[in-house]
Amino acid sequence: MTIHTDEITLILSGVKILQDLDVEIVNDIAGNTEIAEFKQGDMVVRAGEVGERIYFI
């Protein structure tokens, strides 16, 4: 799946915890975003593990 940075910026701008950030910061986040697809039942995170990423579902 290919999504352009502008589209990701638009999507992220609607995420409540990101809404108060300057557009430049949201653009930076969008530029570093990787799209990942998971199937039902796939393990995405485990309770208690140190996180290295943030997931928006």
PDB file of N, CA and C in Angstrom:
ATOM      1  N   MET A   1       0.853  -1.174   0.000  1.00  0.00           N
ATOM      2  CA  MET A   1       0.000   0.000   0.000  1.00  0.00           C
ATOM      3  C   MET A   1       0.899   1.238   0.000  1.00  0.00           C
ATOM      4  N   THR A   2       0.642   2.135  -0.920  1.00  0.00           N
ATOM      5  CA  THR A   2       1.422   3.363  -1.008  1.00  0.00           C
ATOM      6  C   THR A   2       0.530   4.555  -0.675  1.00  0.00           C
ATOM      7  N   ILE A   3       0.961   5.326   0.292  1.00  0.00           N
ATOM      8  CA  ILE A   3       0.255   6.558   0.659  1.00  0.00           C
ATOM      9  C   ILE A   3       1.295   7.671   0.668  1.00  0.00           C
ATOM     10  N   HIS A   4       0.998   8.780   0.027  1.00  0.00           N
ATOM     11  CA  HIS A   4       1.923   9.909  -0.034  1.00  0.00           C
ATOM     12  C   HIS A   4       1.969  10.662   1.288  1.00  0.00           C
ATOM     13  N   THR A   5       3.094  11.306   1.536  1.00  0.00           N
ATOM     14  CA  THR A   5       3.302  12.043   2.789  1.00  0.00           C
ATOM     15  C   THR A   5       2.202  13.061   3.043  1.00  0.00           C
ATOM     16  N   ASP A   6       1.734  13.735   1.995  1.00  0.00           N
ATOM     17  CA  ASP A   6       0.657  14.723   2.172  1.00  0.00           C
ATOM     18  C   ASP A   6      -0.608  14.069   2.717  1.00  0.00           C
ATOM     19  N   GLU A   7      -0.909  12.875   2.231  1.00  0.00           N
ATOM     20  CA  GLU A   7      -2.086  12.153   2.705  1.00  0.00           C
ATOM     21  C   GLU A   7      -1.914  11.720   4.157  1.00  0.00           C
ATOM     22  N   ILE A   8      -0.710  11.283   4.499  1.00  0.00           N
ATOM     23  CA  ILE A   8      -0.424  10.878   5.877  1.00  0.00           C
ATOM     24  C   ILE A   8      -0.534  12.085   6.806  1.00  0.00           C
ATOM     25  N   THR A   9      -0.021  13.234   6.369  1.00  0.00           N
ATOM     26  CA  THR A   9      -0.122  14.458   7.166  1.00  0.00           C
ATOM     27  C   THR A   9      -1.582  14.800   7.432  1.00  0.00           C
ATOM     28  N   LEU A  10      -2.411  14.678   6.426  1.00  0.00           N
ATOM     29  CA  LEU A  10      -3.837  14.969   6.581  1.00  0.00           C
ATOM     30  C   LEU A  10      -4.481  14.012   7.581  1.00  0.00           C
ATOM     31  N   ILE A  11      -4.151  12.735   7.474  1.00  0.00           N
ATOM     32  CA  ILE A  11      -4.691  11.745   8.406  1.00  0.00           C
ATOM     33  C   ILE A  11      -4.218  12.037   9.831  1.00  0.00           C
ATOM     34  N   LEU A  12      -2.916  12.282   9.988  1.00  0.00           N
ATOM     35  CA  LEU A  12      -2.360  12.528  11.327  1.00  0.00           C
ATOM     36  C   LEU A  12      -2.905  13.811  11.949  1.00  0.00           C
ATOM     37  N   SER A  13      -3.219  14.781  11.129  1.00  0.00           N
ATOM     38  CA  SER A  13      -3.779  16.041  11.641  1.00  0.00           C
ATOM     39  C   SER A  13      -5.111  15.820  12.340  1.00  0.00           C
ATOM     40  N   GLY A  14      -5.791  14.725  12.028  1.00  0.00           N
ATOM     41  CA  GLY A  14      -7.063  14.405  12.660  1.00  0.00           C
ATOM     42  C   GLY A  14      -6.930  13.577  13.927  1.00  0.00           C
ATOM     43  N   VAL A  15      -5.692  13.193  14.270  1.00  0.00           N
ATOM     44  CA  VAL A  15      -5.463  12.402  15.483  1.00  0.00           C
ATOM     45  C   VAL A  15      -5.415  13.360  16.666  1.00  0.00           C
ATOM     46  N   LYS A  16      -6.275  13.126  17.636  1.00  0.00           N
ATOM     47  CA  LYS A  16      -6.455  14.070  18.742  1.00  0.00           C
ATOM     48  C   LYS A  16      -5.151  14.463  19.439  1.00  0.00           C
ATOM     49  N   ILE A  17      -4.269  13.517  19.718  1.00  0.00           N
ATOM     50  CA  ILE A  17      -3.041  13.852  20.458  1.00  0.00           C
ATOM     51  C   ILE A  17      -2.046  14.652  19.611  1.00  0.00           C
ATOM     52  N   LEU A  18      -2.283  14.739  18.302  1.00  0.00           N
ATOM     53  CA  LEU A  18      -1.381  15.486  17.420  1.00  0.00           C
ATOM     54  C   LEU A  18      -1.958  16.821  16.964  1.00  0.00           C
ATOM     55  N   GLN A  19      -3.214  17.082  17.276  1.00  0.00           N
ATOM     56  CA  GLN A  19      -3.911  18.252  16.747  1.00  0.00           C
ATOM     57  C   GLN A  19      -3.309  19.589  17.171  1.00  0.00           C
ATOM     58  N   ASP A  20      -2.647  19.648  18.320  1.00  0.00           N
ATOM     59  CA  ASP A  20      -2.093  20.914  18.796  1.00  0.00           C
ATOM     60  C   ASP A  20      -0.654  21.150  18.329  1.00  0.00           C
ATOM     61  N   LEU A  21      -0.098  20.210  17.562  1.00  0.00           N
ATOM     62  CA  LEU A  21       1.277  20.353  17.089  1.00  0.00           C
ATOM     63  C   LEU A  21       1.327  21.255  15.858  1.00  0.00           C
ATOM     64  N   ASP A  22       2.457  21.951  15.687  1.00  0.00           N
ATOM     65  CA  ASP A  22       2.668  22.746  14.478  1.00  0.00           C
ATOM     66  C   ASP A  22       2.672  21.822  13.273  1.00  0.00           C
ATOM     67  N   VAL A  23       2.221  22.324  12.138  1.00  0.00           N
ATOM     68  CA  VAL A  23       2.127  21.519  10.925  1.00  0.00           C
ATOM     69  C   VAL A  23       3.502  20.967  10.512  1.00  0.00           C
ATOM     70  N   GLU A  24       4.576  21.709  10.803  1.00  0.00           N
ATOM     71  CA  GLU A  24       5.917  21.229  10.456  1.00  0.00           C
ATOM     72  C   GLU A  24       6.262  19.950  11.216  1.00  0.00           C
ATOM     73  N   ILE A  25       5.841  19.872  12.463  1.00  0.00           N
ATOM     74  CA  ILE A  25       6.107  18.677  13.276  1.00  0.00           C
ATOM     75  C   ILE A  25       5.279  17.504  12.752  1.00  0.00           C
ATOM     76  N   VAL A  26       4.029  17.763  12.424  1.00  0.00           N
ATOM     77  CA  VAL A  26       3.178  16.705  11.872  1.00  0.00           C
ATOM     78  C   VAL A  26       3.751  16.229  10.534  1.00  0.00           C
ATOM     79  N   ASN A  27       4.268  17.147   9.720  1.00  0.00           N
ATOM     80  CA  ASN A  27       4.908  16.779   8.454  1.00  0.00           C
ATOM     81  C   ASN A  27       6.128  15.897   8.703  1.00  0.00           C
ATOM     82  N   ASP A  28       6.920  16.224   9.726  1.00  0.00           N
ATOM     83  CA  ASP A  28       8.087  15.403  10.074  1.00  0.00           C
ATOM     84  C   ASP A  28       7.655  13.994  10.478  1.00  0.00           C
ATOM     85  N   ILE A  29       6.613  13.913  11.297  1.00  0.00           N
ATOM     86  CA  ILE A  29       6.101  12.608  11.709  1.00  0.00           C
ATOM     87  C   ILE A  29       5.612  11.836  10.483  1.00  0.00           C
ATOM     88  N   ALA A  30       4.887  12.513   9.603  1.00  0.00           N
ATOM     89  CA  ALA A  30       4.367  11.873   8.390  1.00  0.00           C
ATOM     90  C   ALA A  30       5.501  11.354   7.515  1.00  0.00           C
ATOM     91  N   GLY A  31       6.581  12.131   7.418  1.00  0.00           N
ATOM     92  CA  GLY A  31       7.719  11.729   6.602  1.00  0.00           C
ATOM     93  C   GLY A  31       8.450  10.520   7.143  1.00  0.00           C
ATOM     94  N   ASN A  32       8.276  10.233   8.421  1.00  0.00           N
ATOM     95  CA  ASN A  32       8.933   9.087   9.056  1.00  0.00           C
ATOM     96  C   ASN A  32       7.963   7.937   9.322  1.00  0.00           C
ATOM     97  N   THR A  33       6.747   8.068   8.807  1.00  0.00           N
ATOM     98  CA  THR A  33       5.723   7.062   9.034  1.00  0.00           C
ATOM     99  C   THR A  33       5.901   5.885   8.087  1.00  0.00           C
ATOM    100  N   GLU A  34       5.745   4.694   8.633  1.00  0.00           N
ATOM    101  CA  GLU A  34       5.745   3.474   7.835  1.00  0.00           C
ATOM    102  C   GLU A  34       4.372   2.842   7.957  1.00  0.00           C
ATOM    103  N   ILE A  35       3.787   2.487   6.836  1.00  0.00           N
ATOM    104  CA  ILE A  35       2.490   1.828   6.829  1.00  0.00           C
ATOM    105  C   ILE A  35       2.717   0.342   7.064  1.00  0.00           C
ATOM    106  N   ALA A  36       2.006  -0.211   8.013  1.00  0.00           N
ATOM    107  CA  ALA A  36       2.101  -1.642   8.309  1.00  0.00           C
ATOM    108  C   ALA A  36       0.693  -2.225   8.319  1.00  0.00           C
ATOM    109  N   GLU A  37       0.564  -3.400   7.784  1.00  0.00           N
ATOM    110  CA  GLU A  37      -0.727  -4.078   7.788  1.00  0.00           C
ATOM    111  C   GLU A  37      -0.614  -5.337   8.638  1.00  0.00           C
ATOM    112  N   PHE A  38      -1.611  -5.554   9.469  1.00  0.00           N
ATOM    113  CA  PHE A  38      -1.654  -6.714  10.339  1.00  0.00           C
ATOM    114  C   PHE A  38      -2.967  -7.445  10.105  1.00  0.00           C
ATOM    115  N   LYS A  39      -2.911  -8.744  10.208  1.00  0.00           N
ATOM    116  CA  LYS A  39      -4.117  -9.557  10.084  1.00  0.00           C
ATOM    117  C   LYS A  39      -4.705  -9.793  11.467  1.00  0.00           C
ATOM    118  N   GLN A  40      -5.978 -10.101  11.506  1.00  0.00           N
ATOM    119  CA  GLN A  40      -6.623 -10.408  12.769  1.00  0.00           C
ATOM    120  C   GLN A  40      -5.853 -11.534  13.457  1.00  0.00           C
ATOM    121  N   GLY A  41      -5.540 -11.321  14.725  1.00  0.00           N
ATOM    122  CA  GLY A  41      -4.804 -12.315  15.502  1.00  0.00           C
ATOM    123  C   GLY A  41      -3.298 -12.102  15.509  1.00  0.00           C
ATOM    124  N   ASP A  42      -2.764 -11.230  14.630  1.00  0.00           N
ATOM    125  CA  ASP A  42      -1.326 -10.936  14.638  1.00  0.00           C
ATOM    126  C   ASP A  42      -0.938 -10.235  15.928  1.00  0.00           C
ATOM    127  N   MET A  43       0.240 -10.561  16.460  1.00  0.00           N
ATOM    128  CA  MET A  43       0.754  -9.892  17.653  1.00  0.00           C
ATOM    129  C   MET A  43       1.426  -8.587  17.215  1.00  0.00           C
ATOM    130  N   VAL A  44       0.914  -7.476  17.716  1.00  0.00           N
ATOM    131  CA  VAL A  44       1.471  -6.162  17.377  1.00  0.00           C
ATOM    132  C   VAL A  44       2.369  -5.686  18.510  1.00  0.00           C
ATOM    133  N   VAL A  45       1.893  -5.762  19.723  1.00  0.00           N
ATOM    134  CA  VAL A  45       2.673  -5.395  20.910  1.00  0.00           C
ATOM    135  C   VAL A  45       2.369  -6.390  22.021  1.00  0.00           C
ATOM    136  N   ARG A  46       3.283  -6.488  22.966  1.00  0.00           N
ATOM    137  CA  ARG A  46       3.077  -7.344  24.133  1.00  0.00           C
ATOM    138  C   ARG A  46       3.094  -6.465  25.384  1.00  0.00           C
ATOM    139  N   ALA A  47       2.203  -6.744  26.289  1.00  0.00           N
ATOM    140  CA  ALA A  47       2.144  -6.002  27.545  1.00  0.00           C
ATOM    141  C   ALA A  47       3.478  -6.108  28.259  1.00  0.00           C
ATOM    142  N   GLY A  48       3.982  -4.966  28.714  1.00  0.00           N
ATOM    143  CA  GLY A  48       5.220  -4.940  29.486  1.00  0.00           C
ATOM    144  C   GLY A  48       6.472  -4.722  28.661  1.00  0.00           C
ATOM    145  N   GLU A  49       6.401  -4.857  27.328  1.00  0.00           N
ATOM    146  CA  GLU A  49       7.575  -4.618  26.490  1.00  0.00           C
ATOM    147  C   GLU A  49       7.808  -3.124  26.323  1.00  0.00           C
ATOM    148  N   VAL A  50       9.065  -2.741  26.231  1.00  0.00           N
ATOM    149  CA  VAL A  50       9.420  -1.347  25.972  1.00  0.00           C
ATOM    150  C   VAL A  50       9.076  -1.044  24.520  1.00  0.00           C
ATOM    151  N   GLY A  51       8.337   0.023  24.305  1.00  0.00           N
ATOM    152  CA  GLY A  51       7.924   0.375  22.947  1.00  0.00           C
ATOM    153  C   GLY A  51       8.985   1.160  22.203  1.00  0.00           C
ATOM    154  N   GLU A  52       9.083   0.887  20.925  1.00  0.00           N
ATOM    155  CA  GLU A  52       9.988   1.621  20.051  1.00  0.00           C
ATOM    156  C   GLU A  52       9.226   2.358  18.959  1.00  0.00           C
ATOM    157  N   ARG A  53       7.914   2.149  18.909  1.00  0.00           N
ATOM    158  CA  ARG A  53       7.079   2.746  17.870  1.00  0.00           C
ATOM    159  C   ARG A  53       5.754   3.149  18.468  1.00  0.00           C
ATOM    160  N   ILE A  54       5.016   3.930  17.693  1.00  0.00           N
ATOM    161  CA  ILE A  54       3.659   4.278  18.067  1.00  0.00           C
ATOM    162  C   ILE A  54       2.766   3.825  16.909  1.00  0.00           C
ATOM    163  N   TYR A  55       1.631   3.274  17.245  1.00  0.00           N
ATOM    164  CA  TYR A  55       0.712   2.762  16.232  1.00  0.00           C
ATOM    165  C   TYR A  55      -0.568   3.577  16.261  1.00  0.00           C
ATOM    166  N   PHE A  56      -1.033   3.974  15.081  1.00  0.00           N
ATOM    167  CA  PHE A  56      -2.326   4.630  14.927  1.00  0.00           C
ATOM    168  C   PHE A  56      -3.204   3.670  14.142  1.00  0.00           C
ATOM    169  N   ILE A  57      -4.314   3.322  14.733  1.00  0.00           N
ATOM    170  CA  ILE A  57      -5.196   2.334  14.117  1.00  0.00           C
ATOM    171  C   ILE A  57      -6.459   3.033  13.653  1.00  0.00           C
TER     172      ILE A  57
END
